[in-house]
Amino acid sequence: MAPTPTFGRIALRADDSEAPAPAPADGGGTSVSEVPPDPSGVQEYWTPERMENAEPAPMEEDG
């Protein structure tokens, strides 16, 4: 099996059934969302109207 590519602190797997989900860090905020298996579903969901009305997710600031 090829090594798992990493980007920053995120490890990407082609099949998430290989490992259990990690536990959230103590005191840290986390967000989890399902990823649609078909990327075209994302493009269909994010219509121009939805993009215009979208609000950014709350994120902690560094520093």
Protein backbone atom coordinates (compact mmCIF):
# COMPACT_ATOMS: atom_id res chain seq x y z
CA MET A 1 0.00 0.00 0.00
CA ALA A 2 1.31 3.46 -0.90
CA PRO A 3 1.97 6.00 1.86
CA THR A 4 -0.92 8.25 2.81
CA PRO A 5 -0.39 11.77 1.38
CA THR A 6 -0.51 14.53 3.98
CA PHE A 7 -1.21 18.22 3.62
CA GLY A 8 -0.46 20.22 6.74
CA ARG A 9 -2.05 18.22 9.53
CA ILE A 10 -4.64 16.38 7.41
CA ALA A 11 -4.07 12.83 6.17
CA LEU A 12 -6.03 11.83 3.08
CA ARG A 13 -7.17 8.27 2.50
CA ALA A 14 -8.83 6.86 -0.58
CA ASP A 15 -10.98 4.61 1.63
CA ASP A 16 -11.76 5.75 5.16
CA SER A 17 -12.91 2.27 6.15
CA GLU A 18 -9.24 1.34 6.75
CA ALA A 19 -8.98 3.25 10.03
CA PRO A 20 -11.35 4.46 12.75
CA ALA A 21 -12.16 8.16 12.97
CA PRO A 22 -9.73 10.07 15.17
CA ALA A 23 -10.91 11.42 18.52
CA PRO A 24 -11.23 15.21 18.74
CA ALA A 25 -8.42 17.09 20.49
CA ASP A 26 -9.07 18.21 24.07
CA GLY A 27 -10.25 21.80 24.19
CA GLY A 28 -10.03 22.19 20.44
CA GLY A 29 -12.88 22.88 18.08
CA THR A 30 -13.56 20.44 15.30
CA SER A 31 -15.96 20.25 12.41
CA VAL A 32 -17.04 17.15 10.56
CA SER A 33 -19.03 16.86 7.38
CA GLU A 34 -19.88 14.09 4.97
CA VAL A 35 -18.18 14.23 1.59
CA PRO A 36 -20.44 13.26 -1.29
CA PRO A 37 -19.03 10.33 -3.25
CA ASP A 38 -19.76 12.07 -6.56
CA PRO A 39 -18.06 15.48 -6.95
CA SER A 40 -20.65 16.58 -9.51
CA GLY A 41 -23.19 16.64 -6.66
CA VAL A 42 -21.18 19.42 -5.04
CA GLN A 43 -21.21 21.47 -8.22
CA GLU A 44 -24.96 20.95 -8.57
CA TYR A 45 -25.55 22.00 -4.93
CA TRP A 46 -23.48 25.19 -5.05
CA THR A 47 -25.62 27.22 -7.42
CA PRO A 48 -24.69 30.88 -8.07
CA GLU A 49 -27.48 31.93 -5.68
CA ARG A 50 -26.21 29.66 -2.89
CA MET A 51 -22.64 30.89 -3.42
CA GLU A 52 -23.83 34.51 -3.22
CA ASN A 53 -25.71 33.85 0.06
CA ALA A 54 -23.08 31.60 1.65
CA GLU A 55 -21.53 32.61 4.96
CA PRO A 56 -18.06 31.48 6.01
CA ALA A 57 -17.82 28.84 8.72
CA PRO A 58 -16.55 30.17 12.03
CA MET A 59 -12.82 29.52 12.40
CA GLU A 60 -10.39 30.15 15.23
CA GLU A 61 -7.81 32.80 14.50
CA ASP A 62 -4.10 32.02 14.81
CA GLY A 63 -2.09 33.98 17.27
